[in-house]
Amino acid sequence: TTAPPTTAPPTTTVTTAPGPNGGGTQVSNSIASVTLPSGWTKDSVTTSDDLFVDGPDGVSIELYSARQASSFSLTTYFQNRISQLSQKFPDTKVCGQAKQARLPGNGPAGVMAPICLTLTSQNGPANPVVIYEFAGLVQGSGFLQLFVAGIVTPQSLNSNTLVSVVNPVWQSVHWLQLSGG
């Protein structure tokens, strides 16, 4: 007989797997897995339900999911998100039109809203960024599952560069709680 494990499994794993360009690093937690091309890394703040990856040109991606009450809405999510960010970054605002959009990979349909704010660090320069925040809901049995994908990018980064940097990662997203994709 085999004894049960005495320690909990790690909340995140990093393994090498073929990526979209013939190589890369597969990064996953309990929420999602992505393949990172050269120049991308898993951020140390990653937890079991919040996956952060950092890429070139100051771009990063966050993938998050959480169970919500059946009365929860995307309007509520975005209101709470703006409020939460405003507490730390007073200049936070929606800086463009929210629109219907699909989350990456096998993610659900939802809404994308651009959020602008200025990141500051102690003794560091101010860094104006845009967060392209995608959120979608999937009906569970008596609850809703929230899925969030955010792209954080310097406001100064041109859109063609942003698309070329993000696309390989974005296309490789696999939400582990959803079938398909």
Protein backbone atom coordinates (compact mmCIF):
# COMPACT_ATOMS: atom_id res chain seq x y z
CA THR A 1 0.00 0.00 0.00
CA THR A 2 1.02 3.58 -0.57
CA ALA A 3 0.95 6.12 2.23
CA PRO A 4 -0.83 9.42 1.52
CA PRO A 5 1.42 12.41 0.91
CA THR A 6 2.46 14.23 4.06
CA THR A 7 2.81 17.64 2.44
CA ALA A 8 0.45 19.61 0.26
CA PRO A 9 1.33 19.87 -3.42
CA PRO A 10 2.90 23.13 -4.57
CA THR A 11 0.43 25.82 -5.63
CA THR A 12 2.27 26.52 -8.87
CA THR A 13 4.34 24.39 -11.16
CA VAL A 14 6.81 25.22 -13.87
CA THR A 15 7.71 22.58 -16.40
CA THR A 16 9.35 22.73 -19.80
CA ALA A 17 7.04 21.95 -22.68
CA PRO A 18 6.93 22.76 -26.39
CA GLY A 19 5.73 26.31 -26.94
CA PRO A 20 4.08 28.02 -29.88
CA ASN A 21 7.44 28.63 -31.58
CA GLY A 22 8.88 25.19 -30.97
CA GLY A 23 9.95 25.83 -27.38
CA GLY A 24 8.91 27.59 -24.25
CA THR A 25 8.05 27.10 -20.64
CA GLN A 26 4.67 25.81 -19.52
CA VAL A 27 3.47 27.63 -16.38
CA SER A 28 0.31 26.67 -14.50
CA ASN A 29 -1.57 26.90 -11.24
CA SER A 30 -5.06 25.69 -10.26
CA ILE A 31 -6.70 28.26 -12.58
CA ALA A 32 -4.85 28.26 -15.89
CA SER A 33 -1.83 27.15 -17.84
CA VAL A 34 0.11 29.13 -20.42
CA THR A 35 3.16 28.57 -22.57
CA LEU A 36 5.75 31.31 -22.20
CA PRO A 37 7.99 32.10 -25.16
CA SER A 38 11.49 33.43 -24.67
CA GLY A 39 11.48 36.72 -22.76
CA TRP A 40 8.52 35.79 -20.53
CA THR A 41 8.70 34.54 -16.91
CA LYS A 42 6.33 33.56 -14.12
CA ASP A 43 6.13 36.37 -11.58
CA SER A 44 6.95 35.53 -7.95
CA VAL A 45 3.57 36.90 -6.73
CA THR A 46 1.73 34.02 -8.44
CA THR A 47 -0.62 32.09 -6.13
CA SER A 48 -2.82 29.02 -6.61
CA ASP A 49 -5.70 31.14 -7.99
CA ASP A 50 -3.86 34.13 -9.49
CA LEU A 51 -1.26 33.56 -12.23
CA PHE A 52 1.05 36.46 -13.12
CA VAL A 53 3.55 36.38 -16.00
CA ASP A 54 5.97 39.13 -17.03
CA GLY A 55 7.10 39.78 -20.57
CA PRO A 56 9.29 42.11 -22.58
CA ASP A 57 8.67 45.85 -22.96
CA GLY A 58 7.13 46.17 -19.48
CA VAL A 59 4.11 44.01 -20.39
CA SER A 60 2.56 41.56 -17.92
CA ILE A 61 -0.50 39.32 -17.89
CA GLU A 62 -2.66 38.23 -14.96
CA LEU A 63 -5.09 35.28 -15.04
CA TYR A 64 -7.51 34.93 -12.13
CA SER A 65 -10.67 33.06 -11.23
CA ALA A 66 -12.97 32.98 -8.22
CA ARG A 67 -16.38 31.66 -7.26
CA GLN A 68 -19.04 34.35 -6.87
CA ALA A 69 -22.64 34.51 -5.65
CA SER A 70 -25.27 33.84 -8.31
CA SER A 71 -26.30 37.53 -8.08
CA PHE A 72 -22.79 38.76 -9.04
CA SER A 73 -22.44 40.73 -12.30
CA LEU A 74 -19.64 42.02 -14.49
CA THR A 75 -20.78 45.56 -13.66
CA THR A 76 -20.20 44.75 -9.99
CA TYR A 77 -16.78 43.28 -10.84
CA PHE A 78 -15.60 46.37 -12.72
CA GLN A 79 -16.98 48.76 -10.07
CA ASN A 80 -15.15 46.82 -7.34
CA ARG A 81 -11.96 46.62 -9.42
CA ILE A 82 -11.86 50.38 -10.07
CA SER A 83 -12.51 51.05 -6.38
CA GLN A 84 -9.78 48.60 -5.31
CA LEU A 85 -7.21 50.06 -7.70
CA SER A 86 -8.15 53.65 -6.77
CA GLN A 87 -7.22 53.00 -3.16
CA LYS A 88 -3.62 52.36 -4.19
CA PHE A 89 -3.46 54.43 -7.38
CA PRO A 90 -5.60 57.60 -7.01
CA ASP A 91 -5.58 58.44 -10.74
CA THR A 92 -7.29 55.14 -11.71
CA LYS A 93 -10.01 55.57 -14.32
CA VAL A 94 -11.68 53.73 -17.18
CA CYS A 95 -9.93 55.30 -20.17
CA GLY A 96 -11.86 53.99 -23.14
CA GLN A 97 -15.02 52.23 -24.13
CA ALA A 98 -15.86 48.93 -22.44
CA LYS A 99 -16.88 46.36 -25.04
CA GLN A 100 -17.91 42.75 -25.41
CA ALA A 101 -14.90 40.48 -25.80
CA ARG A 102 -13.86 36.86 -25.33
CA LEU A 103 -11.27 35.93 -22.74
CA PRO A 104 -8.15 34.26 -24.13
CA GLY A 105 -7.86 30.58 -25.02
CA ASN A 106 -10.90 28.57 -24.05
CA GLY A 107 -12.22 31.44 -21.88
CA PRO A 108 -15.81 32.63 -21.83
CA ALA A 109 -17.35 35.61 -23.56
CA GLY A 110 -17.36 38.71 -21.39
CA VAL A 111 -16.39 42.37 -21.30
CA MET A 112 -13.08 44.19 -21.79
CA ALA A 113 -12.50 47.61 -20.25
CA PRO A 114 -9.28 49.65 -20.49
CA ILE A 115 -8.20 51.01 -17.10
CA CYS A 116 -5.51 53.71 -16.88
CA LEU A 117 -3.41 54.47 -13.82
CA THR A 118 0.10 55.44 -12.81
CA LEU A 119 2.26 52.81 -11.11
CA THR A 120 4.75 54.26 -8.68
CA SER A 121 7.42 52.60 -6.60
CA GLN A 122 9.50 54.00 -3.77
CA ASN A 123 12.18 56.24 -5.25
CA GLY A 124 11.22 55.06 -8.74
CA PRO A 125 9.78 56.91 -11.71
CA ALA A 126 6.05 57.20 -12.33
CA ASN A 127 4.96 54.63 -14.91
CA PRO A 128 1.62 55.36 -16.66
CA VAL A 129 0.01 52.05 -17.68
CA VAL A 130 -3.14 50.70 -19.28
CA ILE A 131 -4.71 47.54 -17.92
CA TYR A 132 -6.81 45.84 -20.58
CA GLU A 133 -9.10 43.98 -18.18
CA PHE A 134 -11.17 41.11 -19.58
CA ALA A 135 -13.81 39.52 -17.32
CA GLY A 136 -16.38 36.81 -17.95
CA LEU A 137 -18.80 34.71 -15.91
CA VAL A 138 -19.75 31.05 -16.25
CA GLN A 139 -22.84 29.61 -14.53
CA GLY A 140 -22.09 26.89 -12.00
CA SER A 141 -24.51 24.93 -9.82
CA GLY A 142 -25.85 27.69 -7.54
CA PHE A 143 -22.90 30.05 -8.16
CA LEU A 144 -21.08 31.97 -10.88
CA GLN A 145 -17.42 31.44 -11.70
CA LEU A 146 -15.57 34.67 -12.50
CA PHE A 147 -12.69 34.53 -14.99
CA VAL A 148 -10.37 37.53 -15.37
CA ALA A 149 -7.48 38.14 -17.77
CA GLY A 150 -5.60 41.41 -17.55
CA ILE A 151 -2.87 42.81 -19.76
CA VAL A 152 -0.78 45.52 -18.09
CA THR A 153 1.20 47.63 -20.54
CA PRO A 154 3.01 50.97 -20.52
CA GLN A 155 0.75 53.65 -22.06
CA SER A 156 3.66 54.56 -24.35
CA LEU A 157 3.89 51.09 -25.96
CA ASN A 158 2.60 51.12 -29.52
CA SER A 159 -0.33 48.81 -30.26
CA ASN A 160 1.48 46.73 -32.91
CA THR A 161 4.30 45.97 -30.46
CA LEU A 162 1.78 45.11 -27.74
CA VAL A 163 -0.04 42.65 -30.00
CA SER A 164 3.21 40.94 -31.09
CA VAL A 165 4.42 40.65 -27.47
CA VAL A 166 1.12 39.39 -26.00
CA ASN A 167 -0.25 37.19 -28.79
CA PRO A 168 1.88 34.03 -28.26
CA VAL A 169 1.00 33.93 -24.56
CA TRP A 170 -2.64 34.99 -25.03
CA GLN A 171 -3.26 32.26 -27.60
CA SER A 172 -1.75 29.59 -25.34
CA VAL A 173 -4.03 30.26 -22.33
CA HIS A 174 -5.96 27.22 -21.14
CA TRP A 175 -8.45 27.78 -18.31
CA LEU A 176 -8.29 24.53 -16.34
CA GLN A 177 -11.82 24.85 -14.91
CA LEU A 178 -13.36 25.00 -18.39
CA SER A 179 -13.63 22.28 -20.99
CA GLY A 180 -12.68 22.80 -24.60
CA GLY A 181 -9.94 24.98 -26.05
